[in-house]
């Protein structure tokens, strides 16, 4: 064997073995690399996690590197800060525990609700007092940790940010942020309960009748004691939380509305009337009478009850509070409208009846003077006081002014013409009636009081006889007016009728009256005598002249000559008819307003004229009854003439048609003229 060949073979075999070994080695290396790659791949997240934890670990171990004394002191600082903070957190948790109870309805258990609310107030007070302290302690420990580098800077920065936010919340309405608005919600519920209790027990006072009359009783407190106690308990909590004004606003709103509802039944629309809405005092005279009754009812029954109730509910708070509350109720409920109506009356035009109405207003106010002083005498009622004083001044000034002007007005009327129909001038009848009212028991004491006050304002001493002296002067002025008016008539007969009317009125209507007593019996008797005198003159100058036209003189001479007698009867009947027609025409427009005087006068005329006419017609009527022109002479039947005379002097409202003796159709079918029968002249 070739040694060289063998050697080559050996080399080749060695190389192959080396290659195999290298391949195995490479393969093993690849597997290890792969395994290592997988291991590195798994280790990446862990390394990242470790990298993220390193700062905290560093911060955790930093105290180990801090100064030993600082590490020892930090424990005490932390304990002092954590104690208050832990207490605050404990109370804060307790506050949230009250939320369910405070969001329930207080009416179910008002005492329990108020008790829970008080616990909330105490908790919030604790939080308010201690939150600032806890924040201060925490700020101090952070400052210490920062100064001694005991804690991580980022941690301290986060803590500073949180504490800064807490401090800002504390300075900006701490309570709202401490309880999340729970206290305000609870207080709102209490306000609603306060309103509900008031509304459910505020019932308008029932009115039995619009015309109230005299009611002496005072209305009792309109709320039960238990309700008042609940209101007071609610007030206590609301006042403690600065909600008194809201309570008063609710109370005033509910109670004033209740008073207005009570007054609504009285139909007080007339209180809104203005001066321009009525023509004269008569048009609203009835309202003034109602005003006095309604005002008395409102004061004695409604405002009296509200005054007492305000005291009952708010007495624990103080006089100023409940008086102020009552003043608002009175103003909103309508007392100002009553006073304004009185002022409106004082602003109306001056007329005599206004004096009586002003005295009525003064009497109503004076009757309620003590009530007004007690109910509205406080400082809170200054507006009501001012309006009342102004109204009283206007009433007294207005009444005194009208009273002193009456005499002047009577004198001014003297220049006006008298009534054309001879009736009593309105001034005479109204002024006598007016003066009787002023001297009557109803008005005399009131007018006297008004004049006393008015004189005192002018620093003049009131004279006891000033009222009666002035009335006497007014009546005497009326007497002078009558004398002047009598002379103004161109017809003497009408002048006498006028004088007869007026003197009889003064005598009859004033006899037994206050004015009659003032003027005296001799004055009254004088007017009666004047009436008799002018009545006699009236008859003498008018109706007494008629019978002479029916004279029988000369008719006996013609007893033998029927034609001559007929002509003379015709002539005298014609003269009578003409005189009667003229007198009746003239006097049919005259008036005697007093019924007894009118009937007496008419009867006297009938007695003067009718017997003569009846006798004449019975005797001489047949002479003309067959004459074709008989209606020209026998113009009236006796009955017709009597009816005409009895219809004289009627007032216009009582006057009816003329009673002519032979109206159309007076003849019946048989052609007999009723005027000429025996019954017609009987």
Foldseek 3Di string as FASTA:
>chain_A
DDPVVVVVVVVVVVVVVVVVVVVVVVVVVVVVVVVVVVVVVVCVVVVVVVVVCVVVVCQVCVLVVFDPVLNVPLVVLVVVLVVLVVVLVVLLVVLVVLLVLLLDQCVVPVVVNLVSLVSNVVSLVSNLVRVVVSLVSLVVSLVSCVVRVNGDPVVSVVSVVVSVVSVVCSVPPVSCVSNVCSSVSSLVSLLVVLLVLLQVQLAADDDPDLPRPDDDDEAAQSHDPVSLVSLLSSCVVCVVVVNNVVSLVSNLVSLLVSLLVNLVVNVVPVLPDAQVRDDDCVVCVVVLVSLLVSLCCCLRYRLVNLLVSLCSNCVVVHDVVSLLSSLSSCVSNDPVSSLVSLVRLLPHDDDLVSLVSLLSVLVSCVVCVVSCCVNQVDPSNVVVVVSVVVSNVSSLVSNVVNLVCLLVVLLVCLPPADDPQLAADPCLVVLLVSLLVCQDPVNVVSNLVSVCVVCVVVVHHDDPCPSLVSSVSSVVSNVVSLVSNLVVDPDVLSSLSNLLQRLCCCQVVCVPTPNDVSVDPVVSVVSVVSNVVSLVVNCVVALLPLLVLLDCPPLVVCPVPLVVNLVSLQNSLLVSVVSVVVRLVSQQSHARADVVVLQVSLVVSCVNPLVSVLVSCVVCVVSLPVPPVSCSRLVAFSVLVSVQSSQTRHDPVPHDDHRTHQDPPQADPVRDRPRNDPVRSD
